[in-house]
Amino acid sequence: MTAAQEMWLDPGPPLPRRTWQRRTRRPVIVGTTIAMVLFAAVAIGALLVGLLTTPTFTAKGGVVADCATEVAALPDGGRIVRGAQVAIYDAAGGEVAVTSLDRFLRADEGCQLTFEVDGVTFTDAGYVVRVGDRFSQPVSTSALQQGAVLRSLD
């Protein structure tokens, strides 16, 4: 069995002294430590702000109503009138907002009893909007942001 041959360079002249590395070592360590502590503080602050603040939006919508009577008729004979309570629930069933049908709008495409409420917690799962005691309908987040139109199925 033969041993691997090793090659070594002949010793040369001494390397030049690197005094700048010795002089700057402490300031580099101190500066890097301060920068890392500041970065960690900013990262923790951003994480806390993200966890503590949930995005909200203004939910808008309306119930299609008869233009002459300003009343929305339900299939079971019930009626929805101005002032009826509107409750918005998230997908888990938690109540997100409560308001009422406060305005009546007439337009070329029909009439609506409308609602608007600020501060609705944003979710991608959608919502259930309940008007009065007997009418509820699932609604997407984008529909509530743009103005959901709720229709009872006659």
Protein backbone atom coordinates (compact mmCIF):
# COMPACT_ATOMS: atom_id res chain seq x y z
CA MET A 1 0.00 0.00 0.00
CA THR A 2 1.41 3.38 -0.96
CA ALA A 3 0.90 6.55 1.01
CA ALA A 4 -0.58 9.61 -0.70
CA GLN A 5 2.07 12.07 -1.58
CA GLU A 6 1.78 15.53 0.01
CA MET A 7 3.17 18.68 -1.50
CA TRP A 8 4.07 21.73 0.60
CA LEU A 9 5.14 25.11 -0.59
CA ASP A 10 8.45 26.46 0.53
CA PRO A 11 8.16 29.08 3.25
CA GLY A 12 8.07 32.53 1.74
CA PRO A 13 8.47 36.01 3.09
CA PRO A 14 6.24 36.99 6.01
CA LEU A 15 2.80 38.35 5.09
CA PRO A 16 2.27 42.07 5.50
CA ARG A 17 0.64 43.04 8.78
CA ARG A 18 -3.09 43.77 8.52
CA THR A 19 -3.52 46.40 11.15
CA TRP A 20 -6.73 47.75 9.57
CA GLN A 21 -8.47 44.44 10.36
CA ARG A 22 -7.47 44.64 13.99
CA ARG A 23 -8.45 48.31 14.23
CA THR A 24 -11.93 47.83 12.70
CA ARG A 25 -12.89 44.54 14.35
CA ARG A 26 -14.64 46.07 17.40
CA PRO A 27 -16.56 48.76 15.47
CA VAL A 28 -17.74 46.15 12.96
CA ILE A 29 -18.95 43.83 15.74
CA VAL A 30 -20.69 46.67 17.60
CA GLY A 31 -22.30 48.05 14.41
CA THR A 32 -23.50 44.63 13.31
CA THR A 33 -24.96 43.90 16.76
CA ILE A 34 -26.83 47.22 16.82
CA ALA A 35 -28.17 46.64 13.29
CA MET A 36 -29.38 43.12 14.16
CA VAL A 37 -31.11 44.31 17.35
CA LEU A 38 -32.87 47.08 15.41
CA PHE A 39 -33.89 44.64 12.67
CA ALA A 40 -35.28 42.21 15.27
CA ALA A 41 -37.24 45.03 16.94
CA VAL A 42 -38.75 46.13 13.62
CA ALA A 43 -39.64 42.53 12.71
CA ILE A 44 -41.32 41.89 16.09
CA GLY A 45 -43.18 45.22 15.86
CA ALA A 46 -44.45 44.44 12.36
CA LEU A 47 -45.58 40.99 13.50
CA LEU A 48 -47.48 42.41 16.47
CA VAL A 49 -49.13 45.12 14.37
CA GLY A 50 -50.19 42.48 11.83
CA LEU A 51 -51.64 40.23 14.51
CA LEU A 52 -53.41 42.96 16.45
CA THR A 53 -54.97 44.83 13.53
CA THR A 54 -57.43 42.95 11.38
CA PRO A 55 -58.43 44.61 8.12
CA THR A 56 -61.98 45.93 7.97
CA PHE A 57 -64.23 47.28 5.24
CA THR A 58 -67.62 48.95 4.76
CA ALA A 59 -70.36 46.42 3.99
CA LYS A 60 -73.08 47.67 1.66
CA GLY A 61 -76.16 46.04 0.26
CA GLY A 62 -79.87 46.10 -0.21
CA VAL A 63 -83.00 43.99 -0.39
CA VAL A 64 -85.04 44.16 -3.60
CA ALA A 65 -88.39 45.77 -2.77
CA ASP A 66 -91.59 46.81 -4.52
CA CYS A 67 -91.25 50.39 -5.77
CA ALA A 68 -94.88 51.29 -5.01
CA THR A 69 -95.14 49.96 -1.45
CA GLU A 70 -91.45 50.18 -0.42
CA VAL A 71 -91.79 46.68 1.06
CA ALA A 72 -89.95 43.45 0.22
CA ALA A 73 -92.25 40.43 0.23
CA LEU A 74 -90.97 37.03 1.39
CA PRO A 75 -92.19 33.70 -0.07
CA ASP A 76 -93.72 32.65 3.27
CA GLY A 77 -95.92 35.77 3.37
CA GLY A 78 -93.59 37.80 5.56
CA ARG A 79 -92.54 41.35 4.81
CA ILE A 80 -89.34 43.33 5.13
CA VAL A 81 -89.80 47.03 5.74
CA ARG A 82 -87.55 50.03 6.29
CA GLY A 83 -85.92 49.82 9.74
CA ALA A 84 -85.63 46.03 9.75
CA GLN A 85 -82.52 44.76 11.53
CA VAL A 86 -79.62 43.49 9.40
CA ALA A 87 -77.06 41.19 11.04
CA ILE A 88 -73.90 40.03 9.29
CA TYR A 89 -72.33 36.74 10.41
CA ASP A 90 -68.97 35.28 9.41
CA ALA A 91 -68.52 31.70 8.16
CA ALA A 92 -68.01 30.45 11.72
CA GLY A 93 -71.37 31.90 12.79
CA GLY A 94 -69.99 34.81 14.80
CA GLU A 95 -71.85 38.10 14.57
CA VAL A 96 -69.64 40.63 12.76
CA ALA A 97 -71.94 43.66 12.48
CA VAL A 98 -75.50 44.82 13.10
CA THR A 99 -77.33 47.67 11.37
CA SER A 100 -80.74 48.31 9.84
CA LEU A 101 -82.33 48.96 6.47
CA ASP A 102 -82.24 52.74 6.64
CA ARG A 103 -82.77 54.03 3.08
CA PHE A 104 -85.04 53.32 0.15
CA LEU A 105 -83.44 53.74 -3.29
CA ARG A 106 -85.29 53.96 -6.58
CA ALA A 107 -83.38 53.16 -9.76
CA ASP A 108 -84.10 52.20 -13.37
CA GLU A 109 -83.26 48.57 -12.61
CA GLY A 110 -85.52 48.39 -9.53
CA CYS A 111 -85.93 49.56 -5.96
CA GLN A 112 -84.05 48.51 -2.82
CA LEU A 113 -84.15 48.92 0.92
CA THR A 114 -80.44 49.48 1.63
CA PHE A 115 -77.96 49.17 4.48
CA GLU A 116 -74.36 50.23 5.08
CA VAL A 117 -72.11 49.43 8.05
CA ASP A 118 -68.46 50.29 8.71
CA GLY A 119 -65.86 48.16 10.46
CA VAL A 120 -66.79 44.70 9.17
CA THR A 121 -63.90 42.30 9.79
CA PHE A 122 -62.44 41.00 6.52
CA THR A 123 -62.57 37.26 5.77
CA ASP A 124 -62.16 35.25 2.58
CA ALA A 125 -64.75 32.67 3.66
CA GLY A 126 -67.77 34.92 3.05
CA TYR A 127 -70.69 35.94 5.22
CA VAL A 128 -74.35 35.27 5.91
CA VAL A 129 -76.56 38.37 5.90
CA ARG A 130 -79.74 38.03 7.95
CA VAL A 131 -82.52 40.58 7.44
CA GLY A 132 -85.29 40.57 10.01
CA ASP A 133 -86.22 37.26 11.59
CA ARG A 134 -86.90 35.08 8.55
CA PHE A 135 -84.62 36.05 5.65
CA SER A 136 -80.94 35.20 5.34
CA GLN A 137 -78.61 34.76 2.40
CA PRO A 138 -74.92 33.81 1.97
CA VAL A 139 -72.84 36.63 0.47
CA SER A 140 -69.22 36.84 -0.64
CA THR A 141 -66.81 39.42 0.72
CA SER A 142 -66.44 41.16 -2.63
CA ALA A 143 -70.23 41.39 -3.03
CA LEU A 144 -70.54 43.09 0.38
CA GLN A 145 -67.74 45.50 -0.49
CA GLN A 146 -69.40 46.49 -3.79
CA GLY A 147 -73.01 46.45 -2.61
CA ALA A 148 -74.74 43.07 -2.38
CA VAL A 149 -78.24 42.75 -3.80
CA LEU A 150 -80.36 40.35 -1.72
CA ARG A 151 -83.38 38.78 -3.37
CA SER A 152 -85.97 36.54 -1.77
CA LEU A 153 -86.81 33.50 -3.87
CA ASP A 154 -90.52 33.88 -4.66
